[in-house]
Structure formats: C-alpha cells, structure tokens
C-alpha cells in the first residue's frame, strides 16, 4: 500500500511542478499539446530497427526539461516504474527475429535485438514527453487545451473528473487500509474474503463521496466549464516557438543527425 501511495503522491507532484513559473509554463497549453503530438508522431514514424537517429529527440526533451525546471531524476524514476510494460512488449523480439543486421566489432547483432532496443527507446521518449507535458502544463491545462482544439466538452470534463476521482479513491482506500491494520492482530483479516469485503465497501464509500463532491461543485457554481487560474492567450511568441519546434523536430526526423554529427567529427579527426 505504501508503494501505491507513493506512486499517487508522485502523480500529484506533476501538478505541483506545473505551478512553477518558467519559460515553458508560460506558453499557451495548446502550443504545448500540439508540439507534444508532433514529437510523438515523429518518434513513432521511424523504422523498427532505427535507434541512433532517435537519440537527438532525447536531447530535445532534455532541453525542454531544463527550460521548464523539471527535475530529470523525477522523470527517470517514473520511466523506470512503467518500463516493465515496454519490456513485456518487446522481450520476444530477439527470439522471433534472429537475422543478423550488423556487427558490433566481432559480435553479431540480430534484428530482434535492434527492434527490442528501438521499442524501449520509443517508449521512453513518448512517455517522457507526456510526463513533461503534464509537468509543464498541468492536467487541467491539458484538458482545457484539448477542449479548445475541438475535443467534445463532455469528454474533456470526464477526463478531468476521472483524474481527480483517482485521488478520492486513493484517500478512501488509505483510510480503510489503516482501519483494517489497526484491527488486525497476528495476521488476522488478511484473507481474500476480507479483502473482497473491503473492495465492496470501498466502492460504496467512493460512490457516496463522489456524490457529495458533485453536490459541493454544483453549490459552487460548476457548469461543466474547465477553468484555470489564468486564462491563456495565444501570442505571436507562442506561434513562433511552435513553428521553430516543429522545424527542429521535422529536421531531426528527416535527417539522421547522429550520422551527420559522426561524419562531421570523423572528418575533423582526419
């Protein structure tokens, strides 16, 4: 339970990071959402055996983290936490694709290993981009931006409420877990039957809590409109930064910057 509580605390920390004043945080949320979408499209469009050509995209994320004041260790910790999903997705590739595609010195490297490493790198880049987006925009800002870009209002509101309801569910679960722990001695109350009753009780308690929260929101004038502390305005600077970011991303996708840099360094060495 402590690990789950820590994971949700880290999730809420993303909104805390988004409240910081930085160059990236001051940009219009729509610009950041669109830039993240272009980034993901560029990364996933690479061939399944490509690895080195995607490395410049990691430098792009590092630049955004630096400008946004996002701690690198926090993002890396979240990536490690969810990395088993990528490992499970590509772990059989080395056994299914054993054709040798290149040699690392005397060591042959099969296509399966290349595709496996490519999956891991794509996963880290795309998930990292989404984490950085939320850490620089906030979940409210992301939902508001998607609504302004054409997402049906009801979907945006449901997504926002689902995100908030996760923490309500977690709070109720923590209370019930502590109550069970205080009433359990010598391993009692840890069987599956007891946990089944706890899950049922948790569902009823969260439904009741959700209804009270909904009534409180209605009393405070909630009408389904997503509001933030400040109303973002699309400025010329935002548009110029978006165009510049797209040009950089498309250039990195069109040309193998790692290969060009290697050839340039090799030329200087000669």
C-alpha atoms as a PDB file:
ATOM      1  CA  UNK A   1       0.000   0.000   0.000  1.00  0.00           C
ATOM      2  CA  UNK A   2       2.898   2.321   0.748  1.00  0.00           C
ATOM      3  CA  UNK A   3       4.237   1.889  -2.802  1.00  0.00           C
ATOM      4  CA  UNK A   4       0.825   2.721  -4.299  1.00  0.00           C
ATOM      5  CA  UNK A   5       0.528   5.760  -2.049  1.00  0.00           C
ATOM      6  CA  UNK A   6       3.984   6.924  -3.133  1.00  0.00           C
ATOM      7  CA  UNK A   7       3.077   6.477  -6.813  1.00  0.00           C
ATOM      8  CA  UNK A   8      -0.051   8.615  -6.460  1.00  0.00           C
ATOM      9  CA  UNK A   9       1.868  11.223  -4.495  1.00  0.00           C
ATOM     10  CA  UNK A  10       4.361  11.447  -7.347  1.00  0.00           C
ATOM     11  CA  UNK A  11       1.456  11.739  -9.797  1.00  0.00           C
ATOM     12  CA  UNK A  12       0.051  14.712  -7.912  1.00  0.00           C
ATOM     13  CA  UNK A  13       3.574  16.192  -7.824  1.00  0.00           C
ATOM     14  CA  UNK A  14       3.293  16.736 -11.587  1.00  0.00           C
ATOM     15  CA  UNK A  15       0.653  19.408 -10.964  1.00  0.00           C
ATOM     16  CA  UNK A  16       2.924  20.985  -8.365  1.00  0.00           C
ATOM     17  CA  UNK A  17       5.709  21.211 -10.926  1.00  0.00           C
ATOM     18  CA  UNK A  18       3.279  22.758 -13.429  1.00  0.00           C
ATOM     19  CA  UNK A  19       2.618  25.619 -10.991  1.00  0.00           C
ATOM     20  CA  UNK A  20       6.240  26.780 -11.268  1.00  0.00           C
ATOM     21  CA  UNK A  21       6.982  29.917 -13.234  1.00  0.00           C
ATOM     22  CA  UNK A  22       9.184  29.084 -16.212  1.00  0.00           C
ATOM     23  CA  UNK A  23       9.517  29.839 -19.906  1.00  0.00           C
ATOM     24  CA  UNK A  24       7.717  26.628 -20.856  1.00  0.00           C
ATOM     25  CA  UNK A  25       4.996  27.021 -18.225  1.00  0.00           C
ATOM     26  CA  UNK A  26       4.080  30.462 -19.589  1.00  0.00           C
ATOM     27  CA  UNK A  27       3.385  29.119 -23.088  1.00  0.00           C
ATOM     28  CA  UNK A  28      -0.177  28.533 -24.251  1.00  0.00           C
ATOM     29  CA  UNK A  29      -1.281  24.964 -23.371  1.00  0.00           C
ATOM     30  CA  UNK A  30      -2.492  24.369 -26.930  1.00  0.00           C
ATOM     31  CA  UNK A  31       1.003  25.020 -28.262  1.00  0.00           C
ATOM     32  CA  UNK A  32       2.487  22.514 -25.823  1.00  0.00           C
ATOM     33  CA  UNK A  33      -0.109  19.849 -26.619  1.00  0.00           C
ATOM     34  CA  UNK A  34       0.407  20.254 -30.370  1.00  0.00           C
ATOM     35  CA  UNK A  35       4.193  20.187 -30.001  1.00  0.00           C
ATOM     36  CA  UNK A  36       3.961  17.002 -27.932  1.00  0.00           C
ATOM     37  CA  UNK A  37       1.739  15.456 -30.618  1.00  0.00           C
ATOM     38  CA  UNK A  38       4.249  16.337 -33.364  1.00  0.00           C
ATOM     39  CA  UNK A  39       7.051  14.915 -31.208  1.00  0.00           C
ATOM     40  CA  UNK A  40       5.226  11.601 -30.706  1.00  0.00           C
ATOM     41  CA  UNK A  41       4.344  11.319 -34.401  1.00  0.00           C
ATOM     42  CA  UNK A  42       7.961  11.889 -35.405  1.00  0.00           C
ATOM     43  CA  UNK A  43       9.250   9.286 -32.930  1.00  0.00           C
ATOM     44  CA  UNK A  44       6.769   6.527 -33.790  1.00  0.00           C
ATOM     45  CA  UNK A  45       7.238   7.021 -37.533  1.00  0.00           C
ATOM     46  CA  UNK A  46      10.818   5.679 -37.502  1.00  0.00           C
ATOM     47  CA  UNK A  47      11.606   2.233 -38.866  1.00  0.00           C
ATOM     48  CA  UNK A  48      11.517  -0.564 -36.298  1.00  0.00           C
ATOM     49  CA  UNK A  49      15.307  -1.098 -36.477  1.00  0.00           C
ATOM     50  CA  UNK A  50      16.268   2.568 -36.014  1.00  0.00           C
ATOM     51  CA  UNK A  51      17.984   3.540 -32.750  1.00  0.00           C
ATOM     52  CA  UNK A  52      20.714   6.155 -33.252  1.00  0.00           C
ATOM     53  CA  UNK A  53      18.511   8.503 -35.310  1.00  0.00           C
ATOM     54  CA  UNK A  54      16.097   8.839 -32.371  1.00  0.00           C
ATOM     55  CA  UNK A  55      18.746   9.904 -29.860  1.00  0.00           C
ATOM     56  CA  UNK A  56      18.559  13.633 -30.815  1.00  0.00           C
ATOM     57  CA  UNK A  57      14.932  13.582 -29.672  1.00  0.00           C
ATOM     58  CA  UNK A  58      16.187  12.768 -26.169  1.00  0.00           C
ATOM     59  CA  UNK A  59      18.309  15.929 -26.333  1.00  0.00           C
ATOM     60  CA  UNK A  60      15.184  17.871 -27.309  1.00  0.00           C
ATOM     61  CA  UNK A  61      13.367  16.561 -24.210  1.00  0.00           C
ATOM     62  CA  UNK A  62      16.390  17.419 -22.061  1.00  0.00           C
ATOM     63  CA  UNK A  63      16.272  20.992 -23.371  1.00  0.00           C
ATOM     64  CA  UNK A  64      12.554  21.256 -22.536  1.00  0.00           C
ATOM     65  CA  UNK A  65      13.159  19.886 -19.030  1.00  0.00           C
ATOM     66  CA  UNK A  66      15.912  22.431 -18.485  1.00  0.00           C
ATOM     67  CA  UNK A  67      13.768  25.358 -19.665  1.00  0.00           C
ATOM     68  CA  UNK A  68      10.781  24.096 -17.656  1.00  0.00           C
ATOM     69  CA  UNK A  69      12.708  23.423 -14.458  1.00  0.00           C
ATOM     70  CA  UNK A  70      11.686  19.758 -14.398  1.00  0.00           C
ATOM     71  CA  UNK A  71      13.977  17.511 -12.316  1.00  0.00           C
ATOM     72  CA  UNK A  72      15.473  14.849 -14.568  1.00  0.00           C
ATOM     73  CA  UNK A  73      15.615  12.264 -11.766  1.00  0.00           C
ATOM     74  CA  UNK A  74      11.852  12.553 -11.243  1.00  0.00           C
ATOM     75  CA  UNK A  75      11.071  11.800 -14.905  1.00  0.00           C
ATOM     76  CA  UNK A  76      13.630   8.983 -14.999  1.00  0.00           C
ATOM     77  CA  UNK A  77      12.115   7.413 -11.888  1.00  0.00           C
ATOM     78  CA  UNK A  78       8.666   7.413 -13.483  1.00  0.00           C
ATOM     79  CA  UNK A  79      10.060   5.885 -16.661  1.00  0.00           C
ATOM     80  CA  UNK A  80      11.707   3.086 -14.705  1.00  0.00           C
ATOM     81  CA  UNK A  81       8.432   2.469 -12.894  1.00  0.00           C
ATOM     82  CA  UNK A  82       6.459   1.876 -16.105  1.00  0.00           C
ATOM     83  CA  UNK A  83       9.276   0.338 -18.162  1.00  0.00           C
ATOM     84  CA  UNK A  84       8.151  -3.287 -17.498  1.00  0.00           C
ATOM     85  CA  UNK A  85       5.294  -2.703 -19.962  1.00  0.00           C
ATOM     86  CA  UNK A  86       7.793  -1.959 -22.744  1.00  0.00           C
ATOM     87  CA  UNK A  87       9.980  -4.889 -21.695  1.00  0.00           C
ATOM     88  CA  UNK A  88       6.985  -7.208 -21.860  1.00  0.00           C
ATOM     89  CA  UNK A  89       6.039  -5.855 -25.282  1.00  0.00           C
ATOM     90  CA  UNK A  90       9.415  -6.454 -26.919  1.00  0.00           C
ATOM     91  CA  UNK A  91      11.020  -9.242 -24.895  1.00  0.00           C
ATOM     92  CA  UNK A  92      10.249 -11.909 -27.513  1.00  0.00           C
ATOM     93  CA  UNK A  93      11.663  -9.959 -30.479  1.00  0.00           C
ATOM     94  CA  UNK A  94      15.227 -11.364 -30.130  1.00  0.00           C
ATOM     95  CA  UNK A  95      13.792 -14.894 -30.416  1.00  0.00           C
ATOM     96  CA  UNK A  96      11.437 -14.171 -33.314  1.00  0.00           C
ATOM     97  CA  UNK A  97      13.829 -12.134 -35.496  1.00  0.00           C
ATOM     98  CA  UNK A  98      17.326 -13.677 -35.443  1.00  0.00           C
ATOM     99  CA  UNK A  99      18.593 -12.351 -38.776  1.00  0.00           C
ATOM    100  CA  UNK A 100      21.942 -10.572 -38.314  1.00  0.00           C
ATOM    101  CA  UNK A 101      21.763  -6.955 -39.455  1.00  0.00           C
ATOM    102  CA  UNK A 102      25.038  -5.515 -38.206  1.00  0.00           C
ATOM    103  CA  UNK A 103      28.205  -6.346 -36.332  1.00  0.00           C
ATOM    104  CA  UNK A 104      29.415  -4.576 -33.218  1.00  0.00           C
ATOM    105  CA  UNK A 105      33.058  -5.487 -33.645  1.00  0.00           C
ATOM    106  CA  UNK A 106      33.087  -9.298 -33.755  1.00  0.00           C
ATOM    107  CA  UNK A 107      29.649  -9.512 -32.092  1.00  0.00           C
ATOM    108  CA  UNK A 108      26.671 -10.071 -34.470  1.00  0.00           C
ATOM    109  CA  UNK A 109      23.543  -8.079 -33.643  1.00  0.00           C
ATOM    110  CA  UNK A 110      20.245  -9.530 -34.822  1.00  0.00           C
ATOM    111  CA  UNK A 111      17.235  -7.565 -35.973  1.00  0.00           C
ATOM    112  CA  UNK A 112      15.301  -8.771 -32.923  1.00  0.00           C
ATOM    113  CA  UNK A 113      17.688  -7.051 -30.538  1.00  0.00           C
ATOM    114  CA  UNK A 114      17.596  -3.861 -32.600  1.00  0.00           C
ATOM    115  CA  UNK A 115      13.795  -3.785 -32.656  1.00  0.00           C
ATOM    116  CA  UNK A 116      13.708  -4.552 -28.914  1.00  0.00           C
ATOM    117  CA  UNK A 117      16.012  -1.621 -28.110  1.00  0.00           C
ATOM    118  CA  UNK A 118      14.050   0.555 -30.531  1.00  0.00           C
ATOM    119  CA  UNK A 119      10.811  -0.239 -28.671  1.00  0.00           C
ATOM    120  CA  UNK A 120      12.409   0.678 -25.351  1.00  0.00           C
ATOM    121  CA  UNK A 121      13.731   3.954 -26.731  1.00  0.00           C
ATOM    122  CA  UNK A 122      10.396   4.904 -28.340  1.00  0.00           C
ATOM    123  CA  UNK A 123       8.613   4.081 -25.101  1.00  0.00           C
ATOM    124  CA  UNK A 124      10.946   6.240 -23.024  1.00  0.00           C
ATOM    125  CA  UNK A 125      10.713   9.151 -25.464  1.00  0.00           C
ATOM    126  CA  UNK A 126       6.924   9.157 -25.866  1.00  0.00           C
ATOM    127  CA  UNK A 127       6.065   8.514 -22.205  1.00  0.00           C
ATOM    128  CA  UNK A 128       8.711  11.032 -21.158  1.00  0.00           C
ATOM    129  CA  UNK A 129       7.159  13.613 -23.483  1.00  0.00           C
ATOM    130  CA  UNK A 130       3.729  13.085 -21.910  1.00  0.00           C
ATOM    131  CA  UNK A 131       5.115  13.352 -18.379  1.00  0.00           C
ATOM    132  CA  UNK A 132       6.941  16.562 -19.279  1.00  0.00           C
ATOM    133  CA  UNK A 133       3.764  17.916 -20.896  1.00  0.00           C
ATOM    134  CA  UNK A 134       1.771  17.425 -17.690  1.00  0.00           C
ATOM    135  CA  UNK A 135       4.661  18.667 -15.526  1.00  0.00           C
ATOM    136  CA  UNK A 136       4.810  21.931 -17.501  1.00  0.00           C
ATOM    137  CA  UNK A 137       1.090  22.397 -18.183  1.00  0.00           C
ATOM    138  CA  UNK A 138      -0.923  20.593 -15.511  1.00  0.00           C
ATOM    139  CA  UNK A 139      -3.719  18.153 -16.170  1.00  0.00           C
ATOM    140  CA  UNK A 140      -6.304  20.942 -16.058  1.00  0.00           C
ATOM    141  CA  UNK A 141      -4.383  22.847 -18.712  1.00  0.00           C
ATOM    142  CA  UNK A 142      -4.075  19.782 -20.943  1.00  0.00           C
ATOM    143  CA  UNK A 143      -7.829  19.082 -20.749  1.00  0.00           C
ATOM    144  CA  UNK A 144      -8.663  22.727 -21.403  1.00  0.00           C
ATOM    145  CA  UNK A 145      -6.318  22.829 -24.399  1.00  0.00           C
ATOM    146  CA  UNK A 146      -7.865  19.691 -25.920  1.00  0.00           C
ATOM    147  CA  UNK A 147     -11.332  21.139 -25.420  1.00  0.00           C
ATOM    148  CA  UNK A 148     -10.359  24.379 -27.160  1.00  0.00           C
ATOM    149  CA  UNK A 149      -8.856  22.386 -30.043  1.00  0.00           C
ATOM    150  CA  UNK A 150     -12.132  20.585 -30.744  1.00  0.00           C
ATOM    151  CA  UNK A 151     -12.486  17.723 -28.268  1.00  0.00           C
ATOM    152  CA  UNK A 152     -16.145  17.389 -27.170  1.00  0.00           C
ATOM    153  CA  UNK A 153     -16.624  19.243 -23.912  1.00  0.00           C
ATOM    154  CA  UNK A 154     -18.157  16.266 -22.146  1.00  0.00           C
ATOM    155  CA  UNK A 155     -15.091  14.109 -22.933  1.00  0.00           C
ATOM    156  CA  UNK A 156     -12.697  16.736 -21.575  1.00  0.00           C
ATOM    157  CA  UNK A 157     -14.724  17.118 -18.386  1.00  0.00           C
ATOM    158  CA  UNK A 158     -14.986  13.351 -17.916  1.00  0.00           C
ATOM    159  CA  UNK A 159     -11.222  13.003 -18.357  1.00  0.00           C
ATOM    160  CA  UNK A 160     -10.582  15.719 -15.791  1.00  0.00           C
ATOM    161  CA  UNK A 161     -13.052  14.266 -13.273  1.00  0.00           C
ATOM    162  CA  UNK A 162     -11.582  10.788 -13.746  1.00  0.00           C
ATOM    163  CA  UNK A 163      -8.144  12.150 -12.929  1.00  0.00           C
ATOM    164  CA  UNK A 164      -9.458  13.848  -9.784  1.00  0.00           C
ATOM    165  CA  UNK A 165     -11.544  10.836  -8.765  1.00  0.00           C
ATOM    166  CA  UNK A 166      -8.420   8.650  -8.693  1.00  0.00           C
ATOM    167  CA  UNK A 167      -7.176  10.637  -5.688  1.00  0.00           C
ATOM    168  CA  UNK A 168     -10.585  10.370  -3.972  1.00  0.00           C
ATOM    169  CA  UNK A 169     -10.431   6.614  -4.436  1.00  0.00           C
ATOM    170  CA  UNK A 170      -6.900   6.571  -3.054  1.00  0.00           C
ATOM    171  CA  UNK A 171      -7.871   8.581   0.046  1.00  0.00           C
ATOM    172  CA  UNK A 172     -10.750   6.246   0.861  1.00  0.00           C
ATOM    173  CA  UNK A 173      -8.542   3.205   0.274  1.00  0.00           C
ATOM    174  CA  UNK A 174      -5.897   4.549   2.654  1.00  0.00           C
ATOM    175  CA  UNK A 175      -8.459   5.086   5.419  1.00  0.00           C
ATOM    176  CA  UNK A 176      -9.842   1.586   5.062  1.00  0.00           C
ATOM    177  CA  UNK A 177      -6.338   0.079   4.948  1.00  0.00           C
ATOM    178  CA  UNK A 178      -5.317   1.826   8.161  1.00  0.00           C
ATOM    179  CA  UNK A 179      -8.555   0.811   9.883  1.00  0.00           C
ATOM    180  CA  UNK A 180      -8.020  -2.840   8.914  1.00  0.00           C
ATOM    181  CA  UNK A 181      -4.380  -2.732  10.013  1.00  0.00           C
ATOM    182  CA  UNK A 182      -5.315  -1.307  13.440  1.00  0.00           C
ATOM    183  CA  UNK A 183      -7.916  -4.029  13.964  1.00  0.00           C
ATOM    184  CA  UNK A 184      -5.770  -6.942  12.710  1.00  0.00           C
ATOM    185  CA  UNK A 185      -3.509  -8.910  15.043  1.00  0.00           C
ATOM    186  CA  UNK A 186      -1.305 -11.915  14.355  1.00  0.00           C
ATOM    187  CA  UNK A 187      -2.117 -11.983  10.653  1.00  0.00           C
ATOM    188  CA  UNK A 188      -5.900 -11.912  11.053  1.00  0.00           C
ATOM    189  CA  UNK A 189      -8.013 -10.101   8.495  1.00  0.00           C
ATOM    190  CA  UNK A 190      -5.618 -10.715   5.610  1.00  0.00           C
ATOM    191  CA  UNK A 191      -7.554 -13.453   3.783  1.00  0.00           C
ATOM    192  CA  UNK A 192      -9.159 -12.986   0.359  1.00  0.00           C
ATOM    193  CA  UNK A 193     -12.674 -12.942   1.820  1.00  0.00           C
ATOM    194  CA  UNK A 194     -11.811  -9.930   3.964  1.00  0.00           C
ATOM    195  CA  UNK A 195     -10.230  -8.116   1.021  1.00  0.00           C
ATOM    196  CA  UNK A 196     -13.361  -8.840  -1.027  1.00  0.00           C
ATOM    197  CA  UNK A 197     -15.496  -7.134   1.618  1.00  0.00           C
ATOM    198  CA  UNK A 198     -13.042  -4.235   1.719  1.00  0.00           C
ATOM    199  CA  UNK A 199     -13.222  -3.723  -2.046  1.00  0.00           C
ATOM    200  CA  UNK A 200     -17.033  -3.734  -1.946  1.00  0.00           C
ATOM    201  CA  UNK A 201     -17.033  -1.273   0.926  1.00  0.00           C
ATOM    202  CA  UNK A 202     -14.516   0.895  -0.900  1.00  0.00           C
ATOM    203  CA  UNK A 203     -16.797   1.055  -3.947  1.00  0.00           C
ATOM    204  CA  UNK A 204     -19.779   2.134  -1.837  1.00  0.00           C
ATOM    205  CA  UNK A 205     -17.762   4.708   0.094  1.00  0.00           C
ATOM    206  CA  UNK A 206     -16.267   6.252  -3.022  1.00  0.00           C
ATOM    207  CA  UNK A 207     -19.682   6.457  -4.703  1.00  0.00           C
ATOM    208  CA  UNK A 208     -21.055   8.266  -1.669  1.00  0.00           C
ATOM    209  CA  UNK A 209     -18.013  10.528  -1.519  1.00  0.00           C
ATOM    210  CA  UNK A 210     -18.310  11.230  -5.249  1.00  0.00           C
ATOM    211  CA  UNK A 211     -21.949  12.315  -4.841  1.00  0.00           C
ATOM    212  CA  UNK A 212     -21.014  14.696  -2.024  1.00  0.00           C
ATOM    213  CA  UNK A 213     -18.214  16.169  -4.140  1.00  0.00           C
ATOM    214  CA  UNK A 214     -20.613  16.630  -7.078  1.00  0.00           C
ATOM    215  CA  UNK A 215     -23.135  18.454  -4.869  1.00  0.00           C
ATOM    216  CA  UNK A 216     -20.356  20.645  -3.484  1.00  0.00           C
ATOM    217  CA  UNK A 217     -19.271  21.508  -7.025  1.00  0.00           C
ATOM    218  CA  UNK A 218     -22.820  22.427  -8.009  1.00  0.00           C
ATOM    219  CA  UNK A 219     -23.163  24.624  -4.922  1.00  0.00           C
ATOM    220  CA  UNK A 220     -20.037  26.474  -6.017  1.00  0.00           C
ATOM    221  CA  UNK A 221     -21.426  27.133  -9.496  1.00  0.00           C
ATOM    222  CA  UNK A 222     -19.739  24.381 -11.530  1.00  0.00           C
ATOM    223  CA  UNK A 223     -21.320  24.308 -15.012  1.00  0.00           C
ATOM    224  CA  UNK A 224     -19.001  21.863 -16.793  1.00  0.00           C
ATOM    225  CA  UNK A 225     -16.511  24.506 -17.911  1.00  0.00           C
ATOM    226  CA  UNK A 226     -12.840  23.822 -17.212  1.00  0.00           C
ATOM    227  CA  UNK A 227     -11.240  26.848 -15.601  1.00  0.00           C
ATOM    228  CA  UNK A 228      -7.648  27.587 -14.680  1.00  0.00           C
ATOM    229  CA  UNK A 229      -6.094  30.276 -12.502  1.00  0.00           C
ATOM    230  CA  UNK A 230      -5.200  32.368 -15.532  1.00  0.00           C
ATOM    231  CA  UNK A 231      -6.779  32.491 -18.974  1.00  0.00           C
ATOM    232  CA  UNK A 232      -4.110  31.603 -21.563  1.00  0.00           C
ATOM    233  CA  UNK A 233      -3.841  33.747 -24.665  1.00  0.00           C
ATOM    234  CA  UNK A 234      -2.214  32.692 -27.892  1.00  0.00           C
ATOM    235  CA  UNK A 235       0.545  35.191 -28.671  1.00  0.00           C
ATOM    236  CA  UNK A 236       2.916  35.686 -31.565  1.00  0.00           C
ATOM    237  CA  UNK A 237       5.760  34.342 -29.426  1.00  0.00           C
ATOM    238  CA  UNK A 238       3.825  31.113 -28.850  1.00  0.00           C
ATOM    239  CA  UNK A 239       3.247  30.646 -32.565  1.00  0.00           C
ATOM    240  CA  UNK A 240       6.891  31.352 -33.418  1.00  0.00           C
ATOM    241  CA  UNK A 241       8.115  28.871 -30.800  1.00  0.00           C
ATOM    242  CA  UNK A 242       5.689  26.259 -32.112  1.00  0.00           C
ATOM    243  CA  UNK A 243       6.885  26.744 -35.684  1.00  0.00           C
ATOM    244  CA  UNK A 244      10.520  26.595 -34.550  1.00  0.00           C
ATOM    245  CA  UNK A 245       9.894  23.420 -32.541  1.00  0.00           C
ATOM    246  CA  UNK A 246       8.151  21.772 -35.489  1.00  0.00           C
ATOM    247  CA  UNK A 247      11.015  22.694 -37.819  1.00  0.00           C
ATOM    248  CA  UNK A 248      13.536  21.193 -35.391  1.00  0.00           C
ATOM    249  CA  UNK A 249      11.511  18.002 -34.923  1.00  0.00           C
ATOM    250  CA  UNK A 250      10.834  17.538 -38.636  1.00  0.00           C
ATOM    251  CA  UNK A 251      14.514  18.165 -39.417  1.00  0.00           C
ATOM    252  CA  UNK A 252      15.567  15.534 -36.875  1.00  0.00           C
ATOM    253  CA  UNK A 253      13.044  13.153 -38.396  1.00  0.00           C
ATOM    254  CA  UNK A 254      14.050  13.856 -41.992  1.00  0.00           C
ATOM    255  CA  UNK A 255      17.820  13.723 -41.496  1.00  0.00           C
ATOM    256  CA  UNK A 256      19.883  11.357 -39.374  1.00  0.00           C
ATOM    257  CA  UNK A 257      21.517  13.976 -37.170  1.00  0.00           C
ATOM    258  CA  UNK A 258      23.537  11.344 -35.310  1.00  0.00           C
ATOM    259  CA  UNK A 259      25.048  10.116 -38.587  1.00  0.00           C
ATOM    260  CA  UNK A 260      25.748  13.661 -39.771  1.00  0.00           C
ATOM    261  CA  UNK A 261      27.450  14.508 -36.483  1.00  0.00           C
ATOM    262  CA  UNK A 262      29.527  11.331 -36.652  1.00  0.00           C
ATOM    263  CA  UNK A 263      30.641  12.099 -40.197  1.00  0.00           C
ATOM    264  CA  UNK A 264      31.489  15.666 -39.192  1.00  0.00           C
ATOM    265  CA  UNK A 265      33.586  14.539 -36.228  1.00  0.00           C
ATOM    266  CA  UNK A 266      35.262  11.869 -38.342  1.00  0.00           C
ATOM    267  CA  UNK A 267      36.144  14.480 -40.944  1.00  0.00           C
ATOM    268  CA  UNK A 268      37.715  16.730 -38.328  1.00  0.00           C
ATOM    269  CA  UNK A 269      39.668  13.796 -36.869  1.00  0.00           C
ATOM    270  CA  UNK A 270      41.143  13.027 -40.273  1.00  0.00           C
END
